[in-house]
């Protein structure tokens, strides 16, 4: 099968979760090519449409798969090849962008969302027969449990201290690092007053290889998510696959990801004290059964790719 993937380009690459999905489709024997928007604004998307039309003439694909609502709209301006559109999050969560996604939704042959919460926001326009929740998968053969002591040696963390991993850089204000810092400060104070080791919050910064990220997620005692908006964060899936507990506000599909699994704590509020109580439990929980849960939830990258192929075949 010939597949054209339409998406935004960041520097010299697409988002990691899109590239990993493409790699999985290629490993199943399909010919997948990118058509990308390398510039922002109207000019960038005019160029994207021209590149798409050229690629359709030259490659004659069976399916176009667009990622993000605006790319879905551009992809549907041609009507020769059926379009599948995936909505990662901001294209539905942001009220300013949502109308564009709604148009893409009505034109696309099939629409893929990250969560029930996403679908609820566009319920009037998302026809059930061409709508499905299909999250981006993770590399579950890479993100696996490791011995914590060994992982800490790899990353360079102290063995006698507690660590909590934040879901991003501290400079990404949409992730609300101030709330995460406040939560960890409360837990750190409680532990020190009780004569226990302190707690340090670590940001997930760039510069880590995938292998180092696996070690980092295994080296910490828990992870925390305080984002103001999410679709289906890869961070929580990868941490879960490493068997590390998570404390999160009820954002995106995190509650759906961890439903029924022990060691994962979802707060219905953004109250620092409540989150701190949960974090204290998470730090002492130990390893979870997260890796098995990833498979059961069909969040492995190859499982997602196989489902995509069946969707493509059904609408060709």
Protein backbone atom coordinates (compact mmCIF):
# COMPACT_ATOMS: atom_id res chain seq x y z
CA UNK A 1 0.00 0.00 0.00
CA UNK A 2 1.18 3.51 -0.82
CA UNK A 3 0.57 6.04 1.94
CA UNK A 4 1.22 9.79 1.97
CA UNK A 5 1.64 11.29 5.45
CA UNK A 6 0.81 14.99 5.62
CA UNK A 7 2.14 16.80 8.68
CA UNK A 8 4.08 19.76 10.00
CA UNK A 9 7.87 19.69 9.90
CA UNK A 10 9.98 20.94 12.80
CA UNK A 11 13.48 21.77 11.58
CA UNK A 12 14.50 18.55 9.82
CA UNK A 13 11.93 16.16 11.23
CA UNK A 14 8.30 15.58 12.12
CA UNK A 15 7.08 15.00 15.68
CA UNK A 16 8.68 11.86 17.11
CA UNK A 17 5.36 10.07 17.62
CA UNK A 18 4.45 10.57 13.94
CA UNK A 19 7.86 9.35 12.73
CA UNK A 20 7.62 6.28 14.97
CA UNK A 21 4.18 5.53 13.53
CA UNK A 22 5.56 5.86 10.00
CA UNK A 23 8.45 3.53 10.87
CA UNK A 24 5.98 0.94 12.16
CA UNK A 25 3.91 1.14 8.95
CA UNK A 26 7.07 0.73 6.87
CA UNK A 27 8.11 -2.28 8.93
CA UNK A 28 4.78 -3.87 7.92
CA UNK A 29 5.88 -3.55 4.29
CA UNK A 30 4.05 -0.39 3.23
CA UNK A 31 5.48 2.46 1.15
CA UNK A 32 5.09 5.60 3.26
CA UNK A 33 6.22 9.03 2.09
CA UNK A 34 6.01 12.43 3.81
CA UNK A 35 4.47 15.62 2.46
CA UNK A 36 5.22 18.36 4.95
CA UNK A 37 4.58 21.98 5.87
CA UNK A 38 8.03 23.39 6.51
CA UNK A 39 6.87 26.98 6.94
CA UNK A 40 4.12 28.51 9.04
CA UNK A 41 1.32 30.78 7.90
CA UNK A 42 -0.73 30.89 4.73
CA UNK A 43 2.27 30.66 2.42
CA UNK A 44 3.46 27.52 4.16
CA UNK A 45 0.13 25.79 3.73
CA UNK A 46 -0.21 26.90 0.08
CA UNK A 47 3.17 25.27 -0.49
CA UNK A 48 1.98 22.17 1.37
CA UNK A 49 -1.04 21.86 -0.92
CA UNK A 50 1.12 22.24 -4.04
CA UNK A 51 3.55 19.61 -2.75
CA UNK A 52 0.64 17.28 -1.98
CA UNK A 53 -0.83 17.62 -5.48
CA UNK A 54 2.60 16.94 -6.99
CA UNK A 55 3.13 13.90 -4.76
CA UNK A 56 -0.28 12.47 -5.68
CA UNK A 57 0.56 12.79 -9.39
CA UNK A 58 3.99 11.21 -8.99
CA UNK A 59 3.36 8.56 -6.33
CA UNK A 60 -0.34 7.75 -6.91
CA UNK A 61 -0.97 6.84 -3.27
CA UNK A 62 -3.83 4.68 -1.98
CA UNK A 63 -4.34 6.76 1.18
CA UNK A 64 -3.45 10.19 2.55
CA UNK A 65 -3.02 10.30 6.34
CA UNK A 66 -2.97 13.82 7.76
CA UNK A 67 -1.86 14.68 11.29
CA UNK A 68 -3.42 17.79 12.92
CA UNK A 69 -6.67 19.41 11.85
CA UNK A 70 -5.24 22.09 9.56
CA UNK A 71 -3.18 19.49 7.68
CA UNK A 72 -6.37 17.44 7.42
CA UNK A 73 -8.15 20.40 5.83
CA UNK A 74 -5.32 20.95 3.33
CA UNK A 75 -5.21 17.24 2.51
CA UNK A 76 -8.94 17.25 1.76
CA UNK A 77 -8.71 20.11 -0.72
CA UNK A 78 -7.89 17.36 -3.20
CA UNK A 79 -10.64 14.77 -3.69
CA UNK A 80 -8.75 12.10 -5.66
CA UNK A 81 -7.40 10.11 -2.70
CA UNK A 82 -9.29 9.31 0.54
CA UNK A 83 -8.00 11.07 3.65
CA UNK A 84 -7.64 9.82 7.23
CA UNK A 85 -7.02 12.60 9.76
CA UNK A 86 -5.58 12.24 13.26
CA UNK A 87 -6.22 15.01 15.83
CA UNK A 88 -3.41 14.97 18.44
CA UNK A 89 -4.89 17.48 20.88
CA UNK A 90 -4.40 21.21 20.44
CA UNK A 91 -6.36 21.16 17.18
CA UNK A 92 -9.46 20.16 19.19
CA UNK A 93 -8.69 21.67 22.61
CA UNK A 94 -7.98 25.18 21.29
CA UNK A 95 -11.31 26.88 20.50
CA UNK A 96 -9.63 29.14 17.93
CA UNK A 97 -8.33 26.19 15.90
CA UNK A 98 -11.23 23.79 16.45
CA UNK A 99 -13.42 25.17 13.59
CA UNK A 100 -10.68 24.26 11.10
CA UNK A 101 -10.58 20.73 12.51
CA UNK A 102 -14.37 20.48 12.25
CA UNK A 103 -14.21 21.19 8.51
CA UNK A 104 -11.44 18.60 8.12
CA UNK A 105 -13.58 16.14 10.09
CA UNK A 106 -16.54 16.51 7.77
CA UNK A 107 -14.40 16.05 4.66
CA UNK A 108 -12.19 13.18 5.87
CA UNK A 109 -13.13 9.56 5.22
CA UNK A 110 -12.09 8.64 8.75
CA UNK A 111 -11.15 10.59 11.89
CA UNK A 112 -8.88 9.43 14.71
CA UNK A 113 -8.97 11.02 18.15
CA UNK A 114 -6.97 10.66 21.34
CA UNK A 115 -9.74 10.46 23.93
CA UNK A 116 -13.46 10.44 24.74
CA UNK A 117 -13.00 13.99 26.03
CA UNK A 118 -11.79 15.13 22.62
CA UNK A 119 -14.73 13.55 20.82
CA UNK A 120 -17.18 15.13 23.29
CA UNK A 121 -16.01 18.58 22.21
CA UNK A 122 -16.97 17.93 18.58
CA UNK A 123 -19.80 15.46 19.16
CA UNK A 124 -22.15 17.18 16.70
CA UNK A 125 -19.67 16.81 13.84
CA UNK A 126 -17.98 13.48 14.58
CA UNK A 127 -20.05 10.82 12.83
CA UNK A 128 -19.73 7.54 14.81
CA UNK A 129 -19.30 5.42 11.68
CA UNK A 130 -16.13 7.29 10.71
CA UNK A 131 -14.77 8.15 14.16
CA UNK A 132 -12.46 6.18 16.42
CA UNK A 133 -10.12 6.62 19.36
CA UNK A 134 -6.69 5.52 18.18
CA UNK A 135 -3.84 6.99 20.19
CA UNK A 136 -0.24 7.21 19.07
CA UNK A 137 1.63 4.13 20.21
CA UNK A 138 5.00 3.83 21.91
CA UNK A 139 8.06 1.67 21.40
CA UNK A 140 7.14 -0.83 24.10
CA UNK A 141 10.10 -3.07 23.22
CA UNK A 142 12.39 -0.15 24.14
CA UNK A 143 10.49 1.35 27.08
CA UNK A 144 10.76 -1.49 29.58
CA UNK A 145 11.47 -1.93 33.26
CA UNK A 146 15.09 -1.66 34.41
CA UNK A 147 16.77 -2.10 37.76
CA UNK A 148 16.49 1.28 39.51
CA UNK A 149 19.99 1.23 41.02
CA UNK A 150 21.55 0.48 37.62
CA UNK A 151 19.41 3.13 35.90
CA UNK A 152 20.53 5.74 38.44
CA UNK A 153 24.16 4.95 37.75
CA UNK A 154 23.54 5.47 34.02
CA UNK A 155 21.86 8.86 34.58
CA UNK A 156 24.11 9.93 37.45
CA UNK A 157 21.53 10.20 40.25
CA UNK A 158 22.11 9.60 43.94
CA UNK A 159 20.97 6.26 45.32
CA UNK A 160 19.76 7.64 48.66
CA UNK A 161 17.43 10.36 47.36
CA UNK A 162 13.90 10.47 45.94
CA UNK A 163 13.34 11.85 42.45
CA UNK A 164 10.22 12.92 40.58
CA UNK A 165 10.22 13.41 36.80
CA UNK A 166 8.34 16.38 35.34
CA UNK A 167 6.73 15.81 31.93
CA UNK A 168 8.71 18.50 30.08
CA UNK A 169 11.10 21.43 30.37
CA UNK A 170 10.44 23.95 33.13
CA UNK A 171 10.20 26.66 30.46
CA UNK A 172 7.05 25.19 28.90
CA UNK A 173 4.45 27.16 30.81
CA UNK A 174 1.53 25.21 29.32
CA UNK A 175 2.78 22.22 31.31
CA UNK A 176 2.43 24.32 34.50
CA UNK A 177 5.86 23.67 36.03
CA UNK A 178 5.08 26.04 38.93
CA UNK A 179 2.33 23.72 40.16
CA UNK A 180 4.63 20.69 39.91
CA UNK A 181 7.34 22.54 41.82
CA UNK A 182 4.86 23.52 44.54
CA UNK A 183 3.69 19.91 44.90
CA UNK A 184 7.21 18.54 45.20
CA UNK A 185 8.17 21.29 47.68
CA UNK A 186 5.33 20.17 49.97
CA UNK A 187 6.38 16.52 49.78
CA UNK A 188 10.03 17.43 50.30
CA UNK A 189 9.14 19.43 53.43
CA UNK A 190 7.00 16.60 54.87
CA UNK A 191 9.72 14.02 54.30
CA UNK A 192 12.48 16.13 55.82
CA UNK A 193 10.34 16.88 58.87
CA UNK A 194 9.88 13.13 59.27
CA UNK A 195 13.64 12.55 59.05
CA UNK A 196 13.45 11.02 55.56
CA UNK A 197 15.43 11.78 52.40
CA UNK A 198 14.40 14.81 50.37
CA UNK A 199 12.72 14.89 46.97
CA UNK A 200 14.01 16.56 43.81
CA UNK A 201 11.96 17.44 40.73
CA UNK A 202 13.75 16.71 37.45
CA UNK A 203 12.69 18.28 34.12
CA UNK A 204 12.52 16.17 30.99
CA UNK A 205 14.86 18.26 28.87
CA UNK A 206 16.12 17.68 25.36
CA UNK A 207 19.41 15.99 24.68
CA UNK A 208 18.53 12.52 25.95
CA UNK A 209 18.79 9.58 23.59
CA UNK A 210 15.81 7.20 23.62
CA UNK A 211 17.89 4.73 25.63
CA UNK A 212 18.79 7.40 28.19
CA UNK A 213 15.13 8.39 28.49
CA UNK A 214 14.28 4.79 29.36
CA UNK A 215 16.94 4.80 32.08
CA UNK A 216 15.72 8.18 33.39
CA UNK A 217 12.11 6.98 33.61
CA UNK A 218 13.29 3.91 35.50
CA UNK A 219 15.65 5.86 37.76
CA UNK A 220 12.99 8.15 39.25
CA UNK A 221 10.52 7.16 41.97
CA UNK A 222 7.50 8.78 40.30
CA UNK A 223 6.44 11.12 37.50
CA UNK A 224 4.12 14.12 37.65
CA UNK A 225 1.87 15.73 35.02
CA UNK A 226 0.33 19.16 35.71
CA UNK A 227 -0.40 20.29 32.13
CA UNK A 228 -3.21 22.72 31.44
CA UNK A 229 -4.10 20.92 28.20
CA UNK A 230 -3.12 17.61 26.57
CA UNK A 231 -4.29 15.21 23.89
CA UNK A 232 -2.76 11.83 24.65
CA UNK A 233 0.69 12.47 26.14
CA UNK A 234 3.42 10.07 25.05
CA UNK A 235 5.19 10.85 28.32
CA UNK A 236 2.65 9.02 30.47
CA UNK A 237 2.58 5.98 28.19
CA UNK A 238 6.37 5.68 28.17
CA UNK A 239 6.63 6.16 31.95
CA UNK A 240 3.88 3.58 32.41
CA UNK A 241 5.75 1.09 30.21
CA UNK A 242 8.75 1.49 32.53
CA UNK A 243 6.57 0.56 35.52
CA UNK A 244 6.97 3.94 37.21
CA UNK A 245 4.05 5.47 39.19
CA UNK A 246 2.42 8.68 37.94
CA UNK A 247 0.53 11.50 39.60
CA UNK A 248 -1.48 13.64 37.20
CA UNK A 249 -4.20 16.23 37.02
CA UNK A 250 -7.20 15.02 35.01
CA UNK A 251 -6.02 16.22 31.62
CA UNK A 252 -6.22 14.76 28.12
CA UNK A 253 -6.70 11.01 28.17
CA UNK A 254 -4.39 10.26 31.12
CA UNK A 255 -7.25 8.93 33.26
CA UNK A 256 -8.31 6.66 30.37
CA UNK A 257 -4.73 5.45 29.90
CA UNK A 258 -4.31 4.32 33.50
CA UNK A 259 -7.88 3.23 34.29
CA UNK A 260 -7.98 0.19 36.57
CA UNK A 261 -4.23 0.16 37.19
CA UNK A 262 -2.68 0.52 40.64
CA UNK A 263 0.12 3.01 41.25
CA UNK A 264 -1.42 5.80 39.18
CA UNK A 265 -3.15 8.75 40.82
CA UNK A 266 -5.46 11.21 39.06
CA UNK A 267 -6.54 14.43 40.78
CA UNK A 268 -9.82 16.08 39.81
CA UNK A 269 -8.44 19.40 41.05
CA UNK A 270 -5.25 21.41 40.63
CA UNK A 271 -4.81 21.68 44.39
CA UNK A 272 -1.14 21.33 45.38
CA UNK A 273 -1.92 19.75 48.76
CA UNK A 274 -4.11 17.07 47.20
CA UNK A 275 -1.51 16.31 44.55
CA UNK A 276 1.18 16.18 47.25
CA UNK A 277 -0.79 13.53 49.18
CA UNK A 278 -0.95 11.46 46.00
CA UNK A 279 2.74 11.99 45.25
CA UNK A 280 3.75 10.75 48.69
CA UNK A 281 1.89 7.50 47.97
CA UNK A 282 3.34 7.22 44.47
CA UNK A 283 6.92 7.66 45.70
CA UNK A 284 6.53 4.73 48.07
CA UNK A 285 4.56 2.52 45.68
CA UNK A 286 7.43 0.85 43.84
CA UNK A 287 7.08 -0.71 40.39
CA UNK A 288 3.68 -0.97 38.72
CA UNK A 289 2.23 -3.41 36.21
CA UNK A 290 2.33 -0.69 33.56
CA UNK A 291 4.18 -2.51 30.78
CA UNK A 292 1.60 -5.28 30.57
CA UNK A 293 -1.15 -2.64 30.68
CA UNK A 294 0.32 -0.92 27.59
CA UNK A 295 -0.15 -4.11 25.59
CA UNK A 296 -3.66 -4.65 26.95
CA UNK A 297 -4.60 -1.08 25.98
CA UNK A 298 -3.18 -1.63 22.46
CA UNK A 299 -0.75 1.24 22.94
CA UNK A 300 2.20 -0.57 21.42
CA UNK A 301 3.33 1.09 18.19
CA UNK A 302 2.98 -2.06 16.09
CA UNK A 303 -0.53 -2.69 17.42
CA UNK A 304 -1.51 0.83 16.38
CA UNK A 305 0.08 0.41 12.93
CA UNK A 306 -1.83 -2.83 12.34
CA UNK A 307 -5.10 -1.13 13.24
CA UNK A 308 -4.27 1.75 10.90
CA UNK A 309 -3.75 -0.63 8.01
CA UNK A 310 -7.15 -2.23 8.61
CA UNK A 311 -8.74 1.26 8.59
CA UNK A 312 -6.96 2.20 5.37
CA UNK A 313 -8.13 -1.03 3.70
CA UNK A 314 -11.72 -0.48 4.80
CA UNK A 315 -12.00 2.91 3.11
CA UNK A 316 -9.90 2.40 -0.02
